[in-house]
Amino acid sequence: MADSTKTAVVTGGTSGLGEAAVMALAQAGWRVLVVGRDAQRGAEVAGKAGPRAEFLKADLFSLEDVRRLAADIKQRAPRLDLLINNAGGVFSKGPLTADGLERTFELNVAAPYVLTEALLDNLAAAKGRVVNVATGIAKGFKAPLDEVVGPKAKGGMMSYVKNKMALISLTREQQRRHGDRSVTFVALHPGIITNTRFGQTMTGFNPFTTIGPFFSKLFNIGVSLETAQQRYLKVGTEPVEPAGYYYEGTLREAPKGARDEQFSQGLWAKLQEVTAPQART
């Protein structure tokens, strides 16, 4: 009898929100491929998740390594039921990656794009789902494309918000282009958890890690890992609206900039350009 166990991939699955997603899926009986850079943390998380969890080491700041990771996943999971592009972060302005990209853009947008495109056949074979993990963004927010990718792209918290808006836009474009292959794409803002490693890569004053926990407690805007787990399971495994933006697990209208077709098509063209194996910006 064929094994009916469903398989999920969770990037950035070795701590924080990613670890919460791994544990939620494992407890629900899924086989989980845990992706991260830290082998020690990866082994620990996979061990806690149980015998059906496996750790796959990868550096998502390298598109070459993202492609290597995708090739590994394709062999391990010919049928892929769920891909959670959870890895993300905010970074101070610094040197470009080896691919010539600003770090916030490479991790939050380019790496999920490359990984998802490479795994489309496996996702289609299982009529699978892609969950792109975004953040909370005001409904009227928009940003020029050249402030997301290219010479004008900068680091910092505002860059992070712009990139997450771009990821929501990408989610909608992926659904438009690939939905006929029975793959569903959604974006999820799981909520704010202030005791994770998020923001620790920024230098200088960082309001998220410095005063964020205080305001989160004062105004009761944070969520527990248990709540985040429930949201991951809901959006990852229950019926959803294709191309939907799930704000704290509830469907809402995407930010204005993410609904801009000119932005989304321009972003797609730019991603094809800058992620080509020979590309260097």
C-alpha atoms as a PDB file:
ATOM      1  CA  MET A   1       0.000   0.000   0.000  1.00  0.00           C
ATOM      2  CA  ALA A   2       1.330   3.437  -0.900  1.00  0.00           C
ATOM      3  CA  ASP A   3       2.302   5.759   1.933  1.00  0.00           C
ATOM      4  CA  SER A   4      -0.407   8.424   2.210  1.00  0.00           C
ATOM      5  CA  THR A   5       1.665  10.699   4.460  1.00  0.00           C
ATOM      6  CA  LYS A   6       1.745  14.254   3.166  1.00  0.00           C
ATOM      7  CA  THR A   7       5.057  16.093   2.793  1.00  0.00           C
ATOM      8  CA  ALA A   8       5.809  19.714   3.601  1.00  0.00           C
ATOM      9  CA  VAL A   9       8.906  21.869   3.229  1.00  0.00           C
ATOM     10  CA  VAL A  10       9.439  24.725   5.699  1.00  0.00           C
ATOM     11  CA  THR A  11      12.258  27.173   5.030  1.00  0.00           C
ATOM     12  CA  GLY A  12      13.693  29.000   8.008  1.00  0.00           C
ATOM     13  CA  GLY A  13      12.351  26.126  10.061  1.00  0.00           C
ATOM     14  CA  THR A  14      15.030  26.023  12.749  1.00  0.00           C
ATOM     15  CA  SER A  15      13.660  28.706  15.095  1.00  0.00           C
ATOM     16  CA  GLY A  16      10.777  31.051  15.834  1.00  0.00           C
ATOM     17  CA  LEU A  17       7.802  31.040  13.499  1.00  0.00           C
ATOM     18  CA  GLY A  18       9.375  28.459  11.205  1.00  0.00           C
ATOM     19  CA  GLU A  19       9.897  26.048  14.067  1.00  0.00           C
ATOM     20  CA  ALA A  20       6.283  26.626  15.110  1.00  0.00           C
ATOM     21  CA  ALA A  21       5.141  25.618  11.636  1.00  0.00           C
ATOM     22  CA  VAL A  22       7.346  22.525  11.685  1.00  0.00           C
ATOM     23  CA  MET A  23       5.965  21.383  15.016  1.00  0.00           C
ATOM     24  CA  ALA A  24       2.361  22.038  14.038  1.00  0.00           C
ATOM     25  CA  LEU A  25       2.668  19.986  10.856  1.00  0.00           C
ATOM     26  CA  ALA A  26       4.604  17.181  12.541  1.00  0.00           C
ATOM     27  CA  GLN A  27       1.997  16.921  15.296  1.00  0.00           C
ATOM     28  CA  ALA A  28      -0.664  16.708  12.574  1.00  0.00           C
ATOM     29  CA  GLY A  29       1.112  13.675  11.090  1.00  0.00           C
ATOM     30  CA  TRP A  30       2.984  15.307   8.231  1.00  0.00           C
ATOM     31  CA  ARG A  31       6.451  14.480   7.005  1.00  0.00           C
ATOM     32  CA  VAL A  32       8.395  17.733   7.267  1.00  0.00           C
ATOM     33  CA  LEU A  33      11.602  18.750   5.504  1.00  0.00           C
ATOM     34  CA  VAL A  34      13.148  21.440   7.704  1.00  0.00           C
ATOM     35  CA  VAL A  35      15.352  23.928   5.848  1.00  0.00           C
ATOM     36  CA  GLY A  36      17.901  26.142   7.591  1.00  0.00           C
ATOM     37  CA  ARG A  37      21.524  27.242   7.754  1.00  0.00           C
ATOM     38  CA  ASP A  38      22.388  26.081  11.276  1.00  0.00           C
ATOM     39  CA  ALA A  39      22.981  22.330  11.327  1.00  0.00           C
ATOM     40  CA  GLN A  40      22.893  22.085  15.106  1.00  0.00           C
ATOM     41  CA  ARG A  41      19.572  23.879  15.468  1.00  0.00           C
ATOM     42  CA  GLY A  42      18.240  21.980  12.472  1.00  0.00           C
ATOM     43  CA  ALA A  43      19.081  18.633  14.047  1.00  0.00           C
ATOM     44  CA  GLU A  44      17.472  19.710  17.313  1.00  0.00           C
ATOM     45  CA  VAL A  45      14.235  20.851  15.661  1.00  0.00           C
ATOM     46  CA  ALA A  46      13.994  17.743  13.485  1.00  0.00           C
ATOM     47  CA  GLY A  47      14.618  15.604  16.550  1.00  0.00           C
ATOM     48  CA  LYS A  48      11.811  17.299  18.474  1.00  0.00           C
ATOM     49  CA  ALA A  49       9.483  17.053  15.491  1.00  0.00           C
ATOM     50  CA  GLY A  50       9.860  13.282  15.327  1.00  0.00           C
ATOM     51  CA  PRO A  51      10.989  10.500  12.995  1.00  0.00           C
ATOM     52  CA  ARG A  52       9.234  11.912   9.933  1.00  0.00           C
ATOM     53  CA  ALA A  53      11.170  15.183  10.078  1.00  0.00           C
ATOM     54  CA  GLU A  54      14.420  15.686   8.170  1.00  0.00           C
ATOM     55  CA  PHE A  55      16.831  18.612   8.219  1.00  0.00           C
ATOM     56  CA  LEU A  56      18.152  20.021   4.944  1.00  0.00           C
ATOM     57  CA  LYS A  57      20.961  22.540   5.242  1.00  0.00           C
ATOM     58  CA  ALA A  58      20.863  25.423   2.776  1.00  0.00           C
ATOM     59  CA  ASP A  59      21.984  29.036   2.475  1.00  0.00           C
ATOM     60  CA  LEU A  60      19.122  31.033   0.980  1.00  0.00           C
ATOM     61  CA  PHE A  61      21.434  34.009   0.449  1.00  0.00           C
ATOM     62  CA  SER A  62      22.913  31.999  -2.427  1.00  0.00           C
ATOM     63  CA  LEU A  63      20.660  31.282  -5.394  1.00  0.00           C
ATOM     64  CA  GLU A  64      23.051  28.532  -6.441  1.00  0.00           C
ATOM     65  CA  ASP A  65      22.436  26.851  -3.094  1.00  0.00           C
ATOM     66  CA  VAL A  66      18.683  27.399  -3.459  1.00  0.00           C
ATOM     67  CA  ARG A  67      18.832  25.485  -6.744  1.00  0.00           C
ATOM     68  CA  ARG A  68      20.872  22.726  -5.100  1.00  0.00           C
ATOM     69  CA  LEU A  69      18.281  22.556  -2.313  1.00  0.00           C
ATOM     70  CA  ALA A  70      15.470  22.326  -4.857  1.00  0.00           C
ATOM     71  CA  ALA A  71      17.197  19.436  -6.632  1.00  0.00           C
ATOM     72  CA  ASP A  72      17.528  17.624  -3.292  1.00  0.00           C
ATOM     73  CA  ILE A  73      13.860  18.176  -2.446  1.00  0.00           C
ATOM     74  CA  LYS A  74      12.740  17.003  -5.891  1.00  0.00           C
ATOM     75  CA  GLN A  75      14.425  13.653  -5.242  1.00  0.00           C
ATOM     76  CA  ARG A  76      13.135  13.308  -1.684  1.00  0.00           C
ATOM     77  CA  ALA A  77       9.566  14.390  -2.455  1.00  0.00           C
ATOM     78  CA  PRO A  78       8.346  13.662  -6.004  1.00  0.00           C
ATOM     79  CA  ARG A  79       4.935  14.706  -4.691  1.00  0.00           C
ATOM     80  CA  LEU A  80       5.132  17.845  -2.568  1.00  0.00           C
ATOM     81  CA  ASP A  81       1.940  18.815  -0.772  1.00  0.00           C
ATOM     82  CA  LEU A  82       3.035  22.027   0.899  1.00  0.00           C
ATOM     83  CA  LEU A  83       5.866  24.546   0.585  1.00  0.00           C
ATOM     84  CA  ILE A  84       6.051  27.194   3.300  1.00  0.00           C
ATOM     85  CA  ASN A  85       8.426  29.968   2.279  1.00  0.00           C
ATOM     86  CA  ASN A  86       8.921  31.122   5.838  1.00  0.00           C
ATOM     87  CA  ALA A  87      12.571  32.241   5.860  1.00  0.00           C
ATOM     88  CA  GLY A  88      12.844  36.003   6.007  1.00  0.00           C
ATOM     89  CA  GLY A  89      14.499  38.826   7.828  1.00  0.00           C
ATOM     90  CA  VAL A  90      15.378  42.476   8.067  1.00  0.00           C
ATOM     91  CA  PHE A  91      18.923  43.685   7.506  1.00  0.00           C
ATOM     92  CA  SER A  92      20.875  46.894   7.783  1.00  0.00           C
ATOM     93  CA  LYS A  93      22.317  48.286   4.598  1.00  0.00           C
ATOM     94  CA  GLY A  94      25.409  46.273   3.746  1.00  0.00           C
ATOM     95  CA  PRO A  95      27.288  44.515   0.993  1.00  0.00           C
ATOM     96  CA  LEU A  96      25.330  42.813  -1.755  1.00  0.00           C
ATOM     97  CA  THR A  97      25.044  39.043  -1.876  1.00  0.00           C
ATOM     98  CA  ALA A  98      27.171  36.937  -4.195  1.00  0.00           C
ATOM     99  CA  ASP A  99      24.269  37.187  -6.644  1.00  0.00           C
ATOM    100  CA  GLY A 100      24.571  40.981  -6.649  1.00  0.00           C
ATOM    101  CA  LEU A 101      21.305  41.517  -4.768  1.00  0.00           C
ATOM    102  CA  GLU A 102      20.373  43.480  -1.669  1.00  0.00           C
ATOM    103  CA  ARG A 103      20.085  40.984   1.183  1.00  0.00           C
ATOM    104  CA  THR A 104      16.502  41.785   2.202  1.00  0.00           C
ATOM    105  CA  PHE A 105      15.297  41.238  -1.357  1.00  0.00           C
ATOM    106  CA  GLU A 106      17.280  38.057  -1.909  1.00  0.00           C
ATOM    107  CA  LEU A 107      16.033  36.312   1.231  1.00  0.00           C
ATOM    108  CA  ASN A 108      12.435  37.552   1.270  1.00  0.00           C
ATOM    109  CA  VAL A 109      11.585  37.549  -2.448  1.00  0.00           C
ATOM    110  CA  ALA A 110      14.227  36.112  -4.791  1.00  0.00           C
ATOM    111  CA  ALA A 111      14.926  32.887  -2.883  1.00  0.00           C
ATOM    112  CA  PRO A 112      11.208  31.973  -2.498  1.00  0.00           C
ATOM    113  CA  TYR A 113      10.683  32.691  -6.196  1.00  0.00           C
ATOM    114  CA  VAL A 114      13.570  30.466  -7.313  1.00  0.00           C
ATOM    115  CA  LEU A 115      12.679  27.635  -4.938  1.00  0.00           C
ATOM    116  CA  THR A 116       8.993  27.659  -5.850  1.00  0.00           C
ATOM    117  CA  GLU A 117       9.602  27.748  -9.596  1.00  0.00           C
ATOM    118  CA  ALA A 118      12.001  24.817  -9.300  1.00  0.00           C
ATOM    119  CA  LEU A 119       9.466  22.727  -7.340  1.00  0.00           C
ATOM    120  CA  LEU A 120       6.379  23.405  -9.470  1.00  0.00           C
ATOM    121  CA  ASP A 121       6.258  19.911 -11.009  1.00  0.00           C
ATOM    122  CA  ASN A 122       6.411  18.299  -7.568  1.00  0.00           C
ATOM    123  CA  LEU A 123       3.727  20.624  -6.216  1.00  0.00           C
ATOM    124  CA  ALA A 124       1.518  20.031  -9.248  1.00  0.00           C
ATOM    125  CA  ALA A 125       1.842  16.255  -8.832  1.00  0.00           C
ATOM    126  CA  ALA A 126       0.256  16.544  -5.383  1.00  0.00           C
ATOM    127  CA  LYS A 127      -2.108  19.441  -6.207  1.00  0.00           C
ATOM    128  CA  GLY A 128      -0.125  21.196  -3.544  1.00  0.00           C
ATOM    129  CA  ARG A 129      -0.032  24.576  -1.893  1.00  0.00           C
ATOM    130  CA  VAL A 130       2.531  27.342  -1.462  1.00  0.00           C
ATOM    131  CA  VAL A 131       2.340  29.603   1.591  1.00  0.00           C
ATOM    132  CA  ASN A 132       4.482  32.723   1.319  1.00  0.00           C
ATOM    133  CA  VAL A 133       4.983  34.188   4.790  1.00  0.00           C
ATOM    134  CA  ALA A 134       4.541  37.956   4.721  1.00  0.00           C
ATOM    135  CA  THR A 135       3.843  40.513   7.441  1.00  0.00           C
ATOM    136  CA  GLY A 136       1.137  42.953   8.442  1.00  0.00           C
ATOM    137  CA  ILE A 137       0.950  45.803   5.905  1.00  0.00           C
ATOM    138  CA  ALA A 138      -1.442  48.751   5.741  1.00  0.00           C
ATOM    139  CA  LYS A 139      -4.129  48.377   3.079  1.00  0.00           C
ATOM    140  CA  GLY A 140      -3.055  51.522   1.234  1.00  0.00           C
ATOM    141  CA  PHE A 141       0.673  50.781   1.237  1.00  0.00           C
ATOM    142  CA  LYS A 142       2.584  50.803  -2.051  1.00  0.00           C
ATOM    143  CA  ALA A 143       6.192  51.265  -3.162  1.00  0.00           C
ATOM    144  CA  PRO A 144       8.076  51.768  -6.424  1.00  0.00           C
ATOM    145  CA  LEU A 145       9.676  48.623  -7.829  1.00  0.00           C
ATOM    146  CA  ASP A 146      13.106  50.246  -8.006  1.00  0.00           C
ATOM    147  CA  GLU A 147      13.043  50.652  -4.217  1.00  0.00           C
ATOM    148  CA  VAL A 148      12.605  46.885  -3.870  1.00  0.00           C
ATOM    149  CA  VAL A 149      15.192  45.624  -6.343  1.00  0.00           C
ATOM    150  CA  GLY A 150      18.039  47.481  -8.017  1.00  0.00           C
ATOM    151  CA  PRO A 151      20.548  50.187  -7.092  1.00  0.00           C
ATOM    152  CA  LYS A 152      17.972  52.166  -5.055  1.00  0.00           C
ATOM    153  CA  ALA A 153      17.099  49.185  -2.834  1.00  0.00           C
ATOM    154  CA  LYS A 154      18.198  49.687   0.761  1.00  0.00           C
ATOM    155  CA  GLY A 155      18.191  47.769   4.018  1.00  0.00           C
ATOM    156  CA  GLY A 156      16.229  48.526   7.172  1.00  0.00           C
ATOM    157  CA  MET A 157      12.705  47.968   8.436  1.00  0.00           C
ATOM    158  CA  MET A 158      10.999  49.939   5.664  1.00  0.00           C
ATOM    159  CA  SER A 159      12.857  47.835   3.097  1.00  0.00           C
ATOM    160  CA  TYR A 160      11.531  44.729   4.850  1.00  0.00           C
ATOM    161  CA  VAL A 161       7.939  45.994   4.571  1.00  0.00           C
ATOM    162  CA  LYS A 162       8.407  46.836   0.877  1.00  0.00           C
ATOM    163  CA  ASN A 163       9.829  43.380   0.212  1.00  0.00           C
ATOM    164  CA  LYS A 164       6.979  41.650   2.013  1.00  0.00           C
ATOM    165  CA  MET A 165       4.522  43.682  -0.049  1.00  0.00           C
ATOM    166  CA  ALA A 166       6.428  42.464  -3.109  1.00  0.00           C
ATOM    167  CA  LEU A 167       6.117  38.880  -1.848  1.00  0.00           C
ATOM    168  CA  ILE A 168       2.336  39.275  -1.587  1.00  0.00           C
ATOM    169  CA  SER A 169       2.339  40.657  -5.123  1.00  0.00           C
ATOM    170  CA  LEU A 170       4.428  37.686  -6.244  1.00  0.00           C
ATOM    171  CA  THR A 171       1.931  35.318  -4.611  1.00  0.00           C
ATOM    172  CA  ARG A 172      -0.882  36.782  -6.681  1.00  0.00           C
ATOM    173  CA  GLU A 173       1.178  36.602  -9.867  1.00  0.00           C
ATOM    174  CA  GLN A 174       2.142  32.979  -9.169  1.00  0.00           C
ATOM    175  CA  GLN A 175      -1.519  32.061  -8.800  1.00  0.00           C
ATOM    176  CA  ARG A 176      -2.325  33.798 -12.075  1.00  0.00           C
ATOM    177  CA  ARG A 177       0.480  32.036 -13.934  1.00  0.00           C
ATOM    178  CA  HIS A 178       0.422  28.595 -12.316  1.00  0.00           C
ATOM    179  CA  GLY A 179      -3.055  28.120 -10.864  1.00  0.00           C
ATOM    180  CA  ASP A 180      -4.118  26.060 -13.880  1.00  0.00           C
ATOM    181  CA  ARG A 181      -1.646  23.392 -12.706  1.00  0.00           C
ATOM    182  CA  SER A 182      -3.780  22.816  -9.581  1.00  0.00           C
ATOM    183  CA  VAL A 183      -1.242  24.521  -7.317  1.00  0.00           C
ATOM    184  CA  THR A 184      -2.643  27.045  -4.835  1.00  0.00           C
ATOM    185  CA  PHE A 185      -0.676  30.096  -3.704  1.00  0.00           C
ATOM    186  CA  VAL A 186      -1.479  32.175  -0.624  1.00  0.00           C
ATOM    187  CA  ALA A 187       0.271  34.752   1.554  1.00  0.00           C
ATOM    188  CA  LEU A 188       0.128  34.597   5.351  1.00  0.00           C
ATOM    189  CA  HIS A 189       0.882  37.091   8.081  1.00  0.00           C
ATOM    190  CA  PRO A 190       0.955  34.759  11.107  1.00  0.00           C
ATOM    191  CA  GLY A 191       1.263  37.555  13.652  1.00  0.00           C
ATOM    192  CA  ILE A 192       4.059  39.183  15.633  1.00  0.00           C
ATOM    193  CA  ILE A 193       6.094  37.135  18.071  1.00  0.00           C
ATOM    194  CA  THR A 194       8.654  39.376  19.751  1.00  0.00           C
ATOM    195  CA  ASN A 195      10.861  36.740  21.389  1.00  0.00           C
ATOM    196  CA  THR A 196      12.127  35.221  18.141  1.00  0.00           C
ATOM    197  CA  ARG A 197      15.459  35.866  16.408  1.00  0.00           C
ATOM    198  CA  PHE A 198      13.845  38.310  13.958  1.00  0.00           C
ATOM    199  CA  GLY A 199      15.756  41.573  13.615  1.00  0.00           C
ATOM    200  CA  GLN A 200      18.921  40.390  15.335  1.00  0.00           C
ATOM    201  CA  THR A 201      20.906  40.833  12.127  1.00  0.00           C
ATOM    202  CA  MET A 202      20.377  44.609  12.152  1.00  0.00           C
ATOM    203  CA  THR A 203      23.132  46.867  13.474  1.00  0.00           C
ATOM    204  CA  GLY A 204      22.635  50.023  15.510  1.00  0.00           C
ATOM    205  CA  PHE A 205      19.307  50.945  17.091  1.00  0.00           C
ATOM    206  CA  ASN A 206      16.641  48.414  16.216  1.00  0.00           C
ATOM    207  CA  PRO A 207      13.173  49.373  17.471  1.00  0.00           C
ATOM    208  CA  PHE A 208      11.799  45.869  16.896  1.00  0.00           C
ATOM    209  CA  THR A 209      14.186  44.134  19.286  1.00  0.00           C
ATOM    210  CA  THR A 210      14.774  47.110  21.598  1.00  0.00           C
ATOM    211  CA  ILE A 211      11.330  48.511  22.398  1.00  0.00           C
ATOM    212  CA  GLY A 212       9.120  46.178  20.364  1.00  0.00           C
ATOM    213  CA  PRO A 213       8.591  43.644  23.182  1.00  0.00           C
ATOM    214  CA  PHE A 214       7.552  46.445  25.551  1.00  0.00           C
ATOM    215  CA  PHE A 215       4.927  47.885  23.178  1.00  0.00           C
ATOM    216  CA  SER A 216       3.772  44.407  22.192  1.00  0.00           C
ATOM    217  CA  LYS A 217       3.010  43.627  25.823  1.00  0.00           C
ATOM    218  CA  LEU A 218       1.552  47.093  26.533  1.00  0.00           C
ATOM    219  CA  PHE A 219      -0.897  47.036  23.611  1.00  0.00           C
ATOM    220  CA  ASN A 220      -1.394  43.254  23.492  1.00  0.00           C
ATOM    221  CA  ILE A 221      -0.410  43.008  19.811  1.00  0.00           C
ATOM    222  CA  GLY A 222       1.800  39.936  20.030  1.00  0.00           C
ATOM    223  CA  VAL A 223       0.715  36.340  19.574  1.00  0.00           C
ATOM    224  CA  SER A 224       1.852  33.107  21.134  1.00  0.00           C
ATOM    225  CA  LEU A 225       3.641  30.379  19.231  1.00  0.00           C
ATOM    226  CA  GLU A 226       0.576  28.211  19.795  1.00  0.00           C
ATOM    227  CA  THR A 227      -1.627  30.771  18.041  1.00  0.00           C
ATOM    228  CA  ALA A 228       0.874  31.034  15.187  1.00  0.00           C
ATOM    229  CA  GLN A 229       0.853  27.231  14.868  1.00  0.00           C
ATOM    230  CA  GLN A 230      -2.938  27.234  14.502  1.00  0.00           C
ATOM    231  CA  ARG A 231      -2.696  29.856  11.759  1.00  0.00           C
ATOM    232  CA  TYR A 232      -0.053  27.908   9.864  1.00  0.00           C
ATOM    233  CA  LEU A 233      -2.200  24.792   9.981  1.00  0.00           C
ATOM    234  CA  LYS A 234      -5.340  26.665   8.940  1.00  0.00           C
ATOM    235  CA  VAL A 235      -3.769  28.401   5.939  1.00  0.00           C
ATOM    236  CA  GLY A 236      -1.509  25.487   5.043  1.00  0.00           C
ATOM    237  CA  THR A 237      -4.012  22.645   5.207  1.00  0.00           C
ATOM    238  CA  GLU A 238      -7.615  23.928   5.204  1.00  0.00           C
ATOM    239  CA  PRO A 239      -9.618  25.346   2.269  1.00  0.00           C
ATOM    240  CA  VAL A 240      -8.350  28.788   1.240  1.00  0.00           C
ATOM    241  CA  GLU A 241      -8.970  31.493  -1.333  1.00  0.00           C
ATOM    242  CA  PRO A 242      -6.372  31.176  -4.114  1.00  0.00           C
ATOM    243  CA  ALA A 243      -4.023  34.199  -4.137  1.00  0.00           C
ATOM    244  CA  GLY A 244      -5.497  35.249  -0.800  1.00  0.00           C
ATOM    245  CA  TYR A 245      -3.698  37.386   1.769  1.00  0.00           C
ATOM    246  CA  TYR A 246      -4.356  35.962   5.229  1.00  0.00           C
ATOM    247  CA  TYR A 247      -3.756  38.612   7.849  1.00  0.00           C
ATOM    248  CA  GLU A 248      -3.235  36.843  11.173  1.00  0.00           C
ATOM    249  CA  GLY A 249      -4.943  33.861   9.585  1.00  0.00           C
ATOM    250  CA  THR A 250      -8.004  35.757   8.334  1.00  0.00           C
ATOM    251  CA  LEU A 251      -8.575  36.618   4.676  1.00  0.00           C
ATOM    252  CA  ARG A 252      -8.352  40.325   3.915  1.00  0.00           C
ATOM    253  CA  GLU A 253      -7.720  42.516   0.894  1.00  0.00           C
ATOM    254  CA  ALA A 254      -4.069  42.669  -0.130  1.00  0.00           C
ATOM    255  CA  PRO A 255      -2.187  45.980   0.200  1.00  0.00           C
ATOM    256  CA  LYS A 256      -2.769  48.419  -2.653  1.00  0.00           C
ATOM    257  CA  GLY A 257       0.749  48.028  -4.052  1.00  0.00           C
ATOM    258  CA  ALA A 258       0.434  44.240  -4.160  1.00  0.00           C
ATOM    259  CA  ARG A 259      -2.748  44.577  -6.244  1.00  0.00           C
ATOM    260  CA  ASP A 260      -1.038  46.769  -8.830  1.00  0.00           C
ATOM    261  CA  GLU A 261      -0.748  44.640 -11.988  1.00  0.00           C
ATOM    262  CA  GLN A 262       1.983  46.845 -13.424  1.00  0.00           C
ATOM    263  CA  PHE A 263       4.040  46.318 -10.265  1.00  0.00           C
ATOM    264  CA  SER A 264       3.469  42.544 -10.202  1.00  0.00           C
ATOM    265  CA  GLN A 265       4.332  42.047 -13.856  1.00  0.00           C
ATOM    266  CA  GLY A 266       7.369  44.284 -13.529  1.00  0.00           C
ATOM    267  CA  LEU A 267       8.473  42.351 -10.464  1.00  0.00           C
ATOM    268  CA  TRP A 268       8.090  39.049 -12.306  1.00  0.00           C
ATOM    269  CA  ALA A 269      10.183  40.288 -15.227  1.00  0.00           C
ATOM    270  CA  LYS A 270      12.835  41.618 -12.869  1.00  0.00           C
ATOM    271  CA  LEU A 271      12.962  38.343 -10.946  1.00  0.00           C
ATOM    272  CA  GLN A 272      13.467  36.407 -14.165  1.00  0.00           C
ATOM    273  CA  GLU A 273      16.302  38.770 -15.037  1.00  0.00           C
ATOM    274  CA  VAL A 274      18.200  38.897 -11.748  1.00  0.00           C
ATOM    275  CA  THR A 275      17.792  35.240 -10.749  1.00  0.00           C
ATOM    276  CA  ALA A 276      19.010  33.771 -14.037  1.00  0.00           C
ATOM    277  CA  PRO A 277      22.096  31.621 -13.272  1.00  0.00           C
ATOM    278  CA  GLN A 278      24.396  33.975 -15.166  1.00  0.00           C
ATOM    279  CA  ALA A 279      22.837  37.178 -13.825  1.00  0.00           C
ATOM    280  CA  ARG A 280      24.810  39.706 -11.790  1.00  0.00           C
ATOM    281  CA  THR A 281      23.497  43.153 -10.980  1.00  0.00           C
END
